[in-house]
PDB file of all heavy atoms in Angstrom:
ATOM      1  N   GLY A   1      -6.756  -4.363 -27.018  1.00  0.00           N
ATOM      2  CA  GLY A   1      -7.836  -4.859 -27.897  1.00  0.00           C
ATOM      3  C   GLY A   1      -7.284  -5.609 -29.070  1.00  0.00           C
ATOM      4  O   GLY A   1      -6.087  -5.905 -29.189  1.00  0.00           O
ATOM      5  N   THR A   2      -8.153  -5.972 -29.957  1.00  0.00           N
ATOM      6  CA  THR A   2      -7.782  -6.698 -31.158  1.00  0.00           C
ATOM      7  C   THR A   2      -7.254  -5.667 -32.198  1.00  0.00           C
ATOM      8  O   THR A   2      -7.493  -4.481 -32.142  1.00  0.00           O
ATOM      9  CB  THR A   2      -8.997  -7.427 -31.747  1.00  0.00           C
ATOM     10  OG1 THR A   2     -10.032  -6.456 -31.998  1.00  0.00           O
ATOM     11  CG2 THR A   2      -9.526  -8.454 -30.758  1.00  0.00           C
ATOM     12  N   GLN A   3      -6.473  -6.217 -33.122  1.00  0.00           N
ATOM     13  CA  GLN A   3      -5.885  -5.476 -34.226  1.00  0.00           C
ATOM     14  C   GLN A   3      -5.041  -4.307 -33.757  1.00  0.00           C
ATOM     15  O   GLN A   3      -4.965  -3.221 -34.351  1.00  0.00           O
ATOM     16  CB  GLN A   3      -6.990  -4.942 -35.166  1.00  0.00           C
ATOM     17  CG  GLN A   3      -7.821  -6.084 -35.772  1.00  0.00           C
ATOM     18  CD  GLN A   3      -8.888  -5.564 -36.709  1.00  0.00           C
ATOM     19  OE1 GLN A   3      -9.091  -4.351 -36.810  1.00  0.00           O
ATOM     20  NE2 GLN A   3      -9.619  -6.469 -37.388  1.00  0.00           N
ATOM     21  N   GLY A   4      -4.373  -4.471 -32.599  1.00  0.00           N
ATOM     22  CA  GLY A   4      -3.425  -3.511 -32.101  1.00  0.00           C
ATOM     23  C   GLY A   4      -4.038  -2.343 -31.407  1.00  0.00           C
ATOM     24  O   GLY A   4      -3.291  -1.383 -31.075  1.00  0.00           O
ATOM     25  N   ALA A   5      -5.321  -2.329 -31.137  1.00  0.00           N
ATOM     26  CA  ALA A   5      -5.970  -1.212 -30.450  1.00  0.00           C
ATOM     27  C   ALA A   5      -5.673  -1.285 -28.928  1.00  0.00           C
ATOM     28  O   ALA A   5      -5.934  -2.366 -28.347  1.00  0.00           O
ATOM     29  CB  ALA A   5      -7.474  -1.213 -30.685  1.00  0.00           C
ATOM     30  N   ILE A   6      -5.167  -0.233 -28.384  1.00  0.00           N
ATOM     31  CA  ILE A   6      -4.809  -0.187 -26.994  1.00  0.00           C
ATOM     32  C   ILE A   6      -5.426   1.060 -26.336  1.00  0.00           C
ATOM     33  O   ILE A   6      -5.271   2.151 -26.853  1.00  0.00           O
ATOM     34  CB  ILE A   6      -3.269  -0.178 -26.797  1.00  0.00           C
ATOM     35  CG1 ILE A   6      -2.637  -1.403 -27.435  1.00  0.00           C
ATOM     36  CG2 ILE A   6      -2.925  -0.164 -25.306  1.00  0.00           C
ATOM     37  CD1 ILE A   6      -1.113  -1.380 -27.386  1.00  0.00           C
ATOM     38  N   ALA A   7      -6.087   0.880 -25.192  1.00  0.00           N
ATOM     39  CA  ALA A   7      -6.635   1.948 -24.445  1.00  0.00           C
ATOM     40  C   ALA A   7      -5.572   2.517 -23.537  1.00  0.00           C
ATOM     41  O   ALA A   7      -5.437   2.094 -22.351  1.00  0.00           O
ATOM     42  CB  ALA A   7      -7.897   1.538 -23.708  1.00  0.00           C
ATOM     43  N   TYR A   8      -4.765   3.433 -24.054  1.00  0.00           N
ATOM     44  CA  TYR A   8      -3.583   3.885 -23.309  1.00  0.00           C
ATOM     45  C   TYR A   8      -3.972   4.558 -22.001  1.00  0.00           C
ATOM     46  O   TYR A   8      -3.303   4.389 -20.963  1.00  0.00           O
ATOM     47  CB  TYR A   8      -2.743   4.848 -24.179  1.00  0.00           C
ATOM     48  CG  TYR A   8      -2.073   4.178 -25.325  1.00  0.00           C
ATOM     49  CD1 TYR A   8      -2.554   4.330 -26.602  1.00  0.00           C
ATOM     50  CD2 TYR A   8      -0.957   3.346 -25.126  1.00  0.00           C
ATOM     51  CE1 TYR A   8      -1.941   3.723 -27.715  1.00  0.00           C
ATOM     52  CE2 TYR A   8      -0.331   2.746 -26.206  1.00  0.00           C
ATOM     53  CZ  TYR A   8      -0.828   2.916 -27.519  1.00  0.00           C
ATOM     54  OH  TYR A   8      -0.208   2.312 -28.553  1.00  0.00           O
ATOM     55  N   GLY A   9      -4.976   5.387 -21.989  1.00  0.00           N
ATOM     56  CA  GLY A   9      -5.336   6.099 -20.783  1.00  0.00           C
ATOM     57  C   GLY A   9      -5.852   5.159 -19.712  1.00  0.00           C
ATOM     58  O   GLY A   9      -5.469   5.283 -18.519  1.00  0.00           O
ATOM     59  N   GLN A  10      -6.741   4.243 -20.068  1.00  0.00           N
ATOM     60  CA  GLN A  10      -7.210   3.233 -19.073  1.00  0.00           C
ATOM     61  C   GLN A  10      -6.086   2.346 -18.622  1.00  0.00           C
ATOM     62  O   GLN A  10      -6.053   1.966 -17.453  1.00  0.00           O
ATOM     63  CB  GLN A  10      -8.366   2.466 -19.719  1.00  0.00           C
ATOM     64  CG  GLN A  10      -9.536   3.272 -20.115  1.00  0.00           C
ATOM     65  CD  GLN A  10     -10.625   2.475 -20.768  1.00  0.00           C
ATOM     66  OE1 GLN A  10     -10.669   1.246 -20.659  1.00  0.00           O
ATOM     67  NE2 GLN A  10     -11.576   3.140 -21.401  1.00  0.00           N
ATOM     68  N   LEU A  11      -5.188   1.960 -19.510  1.00  0.00           N
ATOM     69  CA  LEU A  11      -4.059   1.105 -19.120  1.00  0.00           C
ATOM     70  C   LEU A  11      -3.198   1.843 -18.095  1.00  0.00           C
ATOM     71  O   LEU A  11      -2.744   1.271 -17.141  1.00  0.00           O
ATOM     72  CB  LEU A  11      -3.245   0.772 -20.377  1.00  0.00           C
ATOM     73  CG  LEU A  11      -1.955  -0.039 -20.158  1.00  0.00           C
ATOM     74  CD1 LEU A  11      -2.241  -1.370 -19.533  1.00  0.00           C
ATOM     75  CD2 LEU A  11      -1.229  -0.191 -21.491  1.00  0.00           C
ATOM     76  N   ALA A  12      -2.896   3.127 -18.323  1.00  0.00           N
ATOM     77  CA  ALA A  12      -2.098   3.899 -17.376  1.00  0.00           C
ATOM     78  C   ALA A  12      -2.827   4.053 -16.059  1.00  0.00           C
ATOM     79  O   ALA A  12      -2.183   3.938 -14.971  1.00  0.00           O
ATOM     80  CB  ALA A  12      -1.750   5.264 -17.980  1.00  0.00           C
ATOM     81  N   ALA A  13      -4.122   4.347 -16.080  1.00  0.00           N
ATOM     82  CA  ALA A  13      -4.856   4.479 -14.831  1.00  0.00           C
ATOM     83  C   ALA A  13      -4.895   3.168 -14.013  1.00  0.00           C
ATOM     84  O   ALA A  13      -4.717   3.143 -12.795  1.00  0.00           O
ATOM     85  CB  ALA A  13      -6.281   4.960 -15.102  1.00  0.00           C
ATOM     86  N   PHE A  14      -5.088   2.064 -14.772  1.00  0.00           N
ATOM     87  CA  PHE A  14      -5.041   0.750 -14.056  1.00  0.00           C
ATOM     88  C   PHE A  14      -3.657   0.451 -13.509  1.00  0.00           C
ATOM     89  O   PHE A  14      -3.520  -0.157 -12.470  1.00  0.00           O
ATOM     90  CB  PHE A  14      -5.486  -0.334 -15.055  1.00  0.00           C
ATOM     91  CG  PHE A  14      -5.580  -1.657 -14.450  1.00  0.00           C
ATOM     92  CD1 PHE A  14      -6.727  -2.092 -13.771  1.00  0.00           C
ATOM     93  CD2 PHE A  14      -4.517  -2.617 -14.500  1.00  0.00           C
ATOM     94  CE1 PHE A  14      -6.854  -3.340 -13.178  1.00  0.00           C
ATOM     95  CE2 PHE A  14      -4.591  -3.858 -13.913  1.00  0.00           C
ATOM     96  CZ  PHE A  14      -5.773  -4.224 -13.259  1.00  0.00           C
ATOM     97  N   SER A  15      -2.609   0.864 -14.182  1.00  0.00           N
ATOM     98  CA  SER A  15      -1.242   0.655 -13.700  1.00  0.00           C
ATOM     99  C   SER A  15      -1.015   1.441 -12.418  1.00  0.00           C
ATOM    100  O   SER A  15      -0.287   0.917 -11.523  1.00  0.00           O
ATOM    101  CB  SER A  15      -0.223   1.044 -14.765  1.00  0.00           C
ATOM    102  OG  SER A  15      -0.448   0.315 -15.960  1.00  0.00           O
ATOM    103  N   VAL A  16      -1.516   2.635 -12.310  1.00  0.00           N
ATOM    104  CA  VAL A  16      -1.379   3.434 -11.072  1.00  0.00           C
ATOM    105  C   VAL A  16      -2.062   2.702  -9.924  1.00  0.00           C
ATOM    106  O   VAL A  16      -1.476   2.565  -8.852  1.00  0.00           O
ATOM    107  CB  VAL A  16      -1.918   4.819 -11.275  1.00  0.00           C
ATOM    108  CG1 VAL A  16      -1.938   5.575  -9.954  1.00  0.00           C
ATOM    109  CG2 VAL A  16      -1.103   5.581 -12.330  1.00  0.00           C
ATOM    110  N   LEU A  17      -3.268   2.185 -10.161  1.00  0.00           N
ATOM    111  CA  LEU A  17      -3.968   1.492  -9.119  1.00  0.00           C
ATOM    112  C   LEU A  17      -3.311   0.188  -8.792  1.00  0.00           C
ATOM    113  O   LEU A  17      -3.310  -0.292  -7.642  1.00  0.00           O
ATOM    114  CB  LEU A  17      -5.425   1.264  -9.549  1.00  0.00           C
ATOM    115  CG  LEU A  17      -6.277   2.505  -9.809  1.00  0.00           C
ATOM    116  CD1 LEU A  17      -7.634   2.103 -10.346  1.00  0.00           C
ATOM    117  CD2 LEU A  17      -6.450   3.305  -8.514  1.00  0.00           C
ATOM    118  N   TYR A  18      -2.681  -0.434  -9.824  1.00  0.00           N
ATOM    119  CA  TYR A  18      -2.034  -1.724  -9.659  1.00  0.00           C
ATOM    120  C   TYR A  18      -0.778  -1.599  -8.773  1.00  0.00           C
ATOM    121  O   TYR A  18      -0.418  -2.540  -8.007  1.00  0.00           O
ATOM    122  CB  TYR A  18      -1.708  -2.323 -10.995  1.00  0.00           C
ATOM    123  CG  TYR A  18      -0.938  -3.631 -11.017  1.00  0.00           C
ATOM    124  CD1 TYR A  18      -1.547  -4.777 -10.452  1.00  0.00           C
ATOM    125  CD2 TYR A  18       0.294  -3.731 -11.575  1.00  0.00           C
ATOM    126  CE1 TYR A  18      -0.852  -5.952 -10.460  1.00  0.00           C
ATOM    127  CE2 TYR A  18       0.994  -4.907 -11.603  1.00  0.00           C
ATOM    128  CZ  TYR A  18       0.418  -6.026 -11.025  1.00  0.00           C
ATOM    129  OH  TYR A  18       1.080  -7.235 -11.019  1.00  0.00           O
ATOM    130  N   ALA A  19      -0.074  -0.481  -8.863  1.00  0.00           N
ATOM    131  CA  ALA A  19       1.164  -0.287  -8.118  1.00  0.00           C
ATOM    132  C   ALA A  19       0.954   0.263  -6.721  1.00  0.00           C
ATOM    133  O   ALA A  19       1.860   0.142  -5.880  1.00  0.00           O
ATOM    134  CB  ALA A  19       2.099   0.683  -8.888  1.00  0.00           C
ATOM    135  N   THR A  20      -0.220   0.765  -6.438  1.00  0.00           N
ATOM    136  CA  THR A  20      -0.490   1.427  -5.138  1.00  0.00           C
ATOM    137  C   THR A  20      -0.402   0.407  -3.970  1.00  0.00           C
ATOM    138  O   THR A  20       0.216   0.689  -2.960  1.00  0.00           O
ATOM    139  CB  THR A  20      -1.832   2.103  -5.139  1.00  0.00           C
ATOM    140  OG1 THR A  20      -1.831   3.090  -6.172  1.00  0.00           O
ATOM    141  CG2 THR A  20      -2.119   2.754  -3.789  1.00  0.00           C
ATOM    142  N   PRO A  21      -1.022  -0.802  -4.057  1.00  0.00           N
ATOM    143  CA  PRO A  21      -0.882  -1.710  -2.921  1.00  0.00           C
ATOM    144  C   PRO A  21       0.519  -2.121  -2.536  1.00  0.00           C
ATOM    145  O   PRO A  21       0.848  -2.303  -1.361  1.00  0.00           O
ATOM    146  CB  PRO A  21      -1.732  -2.928  -3.361  1.00  0.00           C
ATOM    147  CG  PRO A  21      -2.659  -2.402  -4.339  1.00  0.00           C
ATOM    148  CD  PRO A  21      -1.928  -1.336  -5.068  1.00  0.00           C
ATOM    149  N   VAL A  22       1.406  -2.302  -3.522  1.00  0.00           N
ATOM    150  CA  VAL A  22       2.769  -2.661  -3.223  1.00  0.00           C
ATOM    151  C   VAL A  22       3.510  -1.535  -2.471  1.00  0.00           C
ATOM    152  O   VAL A  22       4.253  -1.764  -1.505  1.00  0.00           O
ATOM    153  CB  VAL A  22       3.495  -3.024  -4.536  1.00  0.00           C
ATOM    154  CG1 VAL A  22       4.970  -3.403  -4.229  1.00  0.00           C
ATOM    155  CG2 VAL A  22       2.789  -4.201  -5.198  1.00  0.00           C
ATOM    156  N   LEU A  23       3.286  -0.306  -2.921  1.00  0.00           N
ATOM    157  CA  LEU A  23       3.904   0.794  -2.228  1.00  0.00           C
ATOM    158  C   LEU A  23       3.374   0.970  -0.794  1.00  0.00           C
ATOM    159  O   LEU A  23       4.160   1.196   0.145  1.00  0.00           O
ATOM    160  CB  LEU A  23       3.665   2.091  -3.005  1.00  0.00           C
ATOM    161  CG  LEU A  23       4.271   2.170  -4.412  1.00  0.00           C
ATOM    162  CD1 LEU A  23       3.857   3.497  -5.092  1.00  0.00           C
ATOM    163  CD2 LEU A  23       5.767   2.044  -4.361  1.00  0.00           C
ATOM    164  N   ALA A  24       2.037   0.768  -0.646  1.00  0.00           N
ATOM    165  CA  ALA A  24       1.513   0.830   0.681  1.00  0.00           C
ATOM    166  C   ALA A  24       2.032  -0.273   1.600  1.00  0.00           C
ATOM    167  O   ALA A  24       2.326  -0.055   2.779  1.00  0.00           O
ATOM    168  CB  ALA A  24      -0.022   0.783   0.622  1.00  0.00           C
ATOM    169  N   LEU A  25       2.181  -1.509   1.035  1.00  0.00           N
ATOM    170  CA  LEU A  25       2.711  -2.623   1.818  1.00  0.00           C
ATOM    171  C   LEU A  25       4.139  -2.299   2.251  1.00  0.00           C
ATOM    172  O   LEU A  25       4.563  -2.575   3.418  1.00  0.00           O
ATOM    173  CB  LEU A  25       2.667  -3.857   1.011  1.00  0.00           C
ATOM    174  CG  LEU A  25       3.348  -5.085   1.647  1.00  0.00           C
ATOM    175  CD1 LEU A  25       2.575  -5.556   2.884  1.00  0.00           C
ATOM    176  CD2 LEU A  25       3.476  -6.234   0.678  1.00  0.00           C
ATOM    177  N   TYR A  26       4.942  -1.750   1.357  1.00  0.00           N
ATOM    178  CA  TYR A  26       6.344  -1.469   1.686  1.00  0.00           C
ATOM    179  C   TYR A  26       6.398  -0.453   2.843  1.00  0.00           C
ATOM    180  O   TYR A  26       7.203  -0.625   3.772  1.00  0.00           O
ATOM    181  CB  TYR A  26       7.040  -0.912   0.514  1.00  0.00           C
ATOM    182  CG  TYR A  26       8.474  -0.492   0.700  1.00  0.00           C
ATOM    183  CD1 TYR A  26       9.499  -1.432   0.858  1.00  0.00           C
ATOM    184  CD2 TYR A  26       8.815   0.840   0.936  1.00  0.00           C
ATOM    185  CE1 TYR A  26      10.816  -1.029   1.114  1.00  0.00           C
ATOM    186  CE2 TYR A  26      10.098   1.243   1.170  1.00  0.00           C
ATOM    187  CZ  TYR A  26      11.119   0.234   1.264  1.00  0.00           C
ATOM    188  OH  TYR A  26      12.413   0.655   1.538  1.00  0.00           O
ATOM    189  N   LEU A  27       5.581   0.594   2.795  1.00  0.00           N
ATOM    190  CA  LEU A  27       5.606   1.574   3.872  1.00  0.00           C
ATOM    191  C   LEU A  27       5.137   0.977   5.199  1.00  0.00           C
ATOM    192  O   LEU A  27       5.721   1.246   6.238  1.00  0.00           O
ATOM    193  CB  LEU A  27       4.735   2.751   3.459  1.00  0.00           C
ATOM    194  CG  LEU A  27       5.189   3.556   2.242  1.00  0.00           C
ATOM    195  CD1 LEU A  27       4.193   4.681   1.920  1.00  0.00           C
ATOM    196  CD2 LEU A  27       6.591   4.173   2.476  1.00  0.00           C
TER     197      LEU A  27
END
């Protein structure tokens, strides 16, 4: 967000979903 505001929990959850397709493709 603006002024340094970061939604850490949502960012981490999105990162988990973002990494899942690559792991599935590798397998």
